[in-house]
Amino acid sequence: MEPDKKSNGTIVGIIVIIAILIIGGVYTWQSKVKSALKEKEIQENTIQNDASVLDSLEQDLQNTDTNLNVDVNTIQ
């Protein structure tokens, strides 16, 4: 009889599977981080645009002449 030879195939298989899971996890994590950064950038740009629009409206309001030369006391 031949002596039993130990096979390292199962250990190598487990190591390969673990490596694939780790690489997949890192890839997924980085893609989520990138999408979160893009979303944050979009929100900041939206806030800046909204602030710009509000500043423009406020400036228009200040520049608008609201004096109609009407005496409120004489209106019946």
Protein backbone atom coordinates (compact mmCIF):
# COMPACT_ATOMS: atom_id res chain seq x y z
CA MET A 1 0.00 0.00 0.00
CA GLU A 2 1.01 3.50 -0.69
CA PRO A 3 1.11 6.00 2.14
CA ASP A 4 -1.64 8.61 2.16
CA LYS A 5 -0.49 11.88 0.63
CA LYS A 6 -1.87 15.01 2.18
CA SER A 7 -3.46 17.36 -0.26
CA ASN A 8 -3.22 21.07 0.28
CA GLY A 9 -5.91 21.72 -2.32
CA THR A 10 -8.62 22.46 0.22
CA ILE A 11 -6.46 24.96 2.07
CA VAL A 12 -5.51 26.69 -1.18
CA GLY A 13 -9.19 26.75 -2.21
CA ILE A 14 -10.24 28.32 1.07
CA ILE A 15 -7.50 30.95 0.79
CA VAL A 16 -8.58 31.80 -2.78
CA ILE A 17 -12.23 32.13 -1.72
CA ILE A 18 -11.33 34.37 1.23
CA ALA A 19 -9.13 36.54 -1.02
CA ILE A 20 -11.97 36.93 -3.53
CA LEU A 21 -14.38 37.91 -0.75
CA ILE A 22 -11.93 40.47 0.63
CA ILE A 23 -11.30 42.00 -2.80
CA GLY A 24 -15.05 42.15 -3.49
CA GLY A 25 -15.69 43.81 -0.13
CA VAL A 26 -13.01 46.45 -0.70
CA TYR A 27 -14.36 47.15 -4.20
CA THR A 28 -17.93 47.53 -2.90
CA TRP A 29 -16.82 49.75 -0.03
CA GLN A 30 -14.83 52.06 -2.31
CA SER A 31 -17.69 52.37 -4.78
CA LYS A 32 -20.05 53.37 -1.95
CA VAL A 33 -17.55 55.93 -0.68
CA LYS A 34 -17.21 57.42 -4.18
CA SER A 35 -20.98 57.65 -4.64
CA ALA A 36 -21.36 59.27 -1.20
CA LEU A 37 -18.69 61.86 -2.08
CA LYS A 38 -20.41 62.63 -5.39
CA GLU A 39 -23.76 63.02 -3.63
CA LYS A 40 -22.20 65.36 -1.06
CA GLU A 41 -20.64 67.45 -3.82
CA ILE A 42 -24.01 67.71 -5.61
CA GLN A 43 -25.69 68.82 -2.38
CA GLU A 44 -23.03 71.47 -1.75
CA ASN A 45 -23.42 72.80 -5.30
CA THR A 46 -27.20 72.91 -4.88
CA ILE A 47 -26.89 74.82 -1.61
CA GLN A 48 -24.50 77.31 -3.21
CA ASN A 49 -26.84 77.79 -6.18
CA ASP A 50 -29.82 78.29 -3.86
CA ALA A 51 -27.89 80.83 -1.81
CA SER A 52 -26.92 82.66 -4.99
CA VAL A 53 -30.55 82.79 -6.14
CA LEU A 54 -31.68 84.07 -2.73
CA ASP A 55 -28.98 86.75 -2.74
CA SER A 56 -30.09 87.82 -6.21
CA LEU A 57 -33.74 88.01 -5.12
CA GLU A 58 -32.82 89.99 -2.03
CA GLN A 59 -30.80 92.43 -4.09
CA ASP A 60 -33.71 92.84 -6.53
CA LEU A 61 -36.03 93.51 -3.61
CA GLN A 62 -33.74 96.17 -2.22
CA ASN A 63 -33.41 97.84 -5.63
CA THR A 64 -37.17 97.86 -6.28
CA ASP A 65 -38.86 101.21 -5.80
CA THR A 66 -41.97 100.59 -3.74
CA ASN A 67 -42.91 104.25 -3.33
CA LEU A 68 -46.20 104.76 -5.22
CA ASN A 69 -46.70 108.36 -4.05
CA VAL A 70 -50.05 107.43 -2.51
CA ASP A 71 -51.17 108.87 0.78
CA VAL A 72 -52.60 105.98 2.76
CA ASN A 73 -54.57 108.30 5.06
CA THR A 74 -56.63 109.73 2.19
CA ILE A 75 -57.71 106.40 0.75
CA GLN A 76 -61.34 105.58 1.61
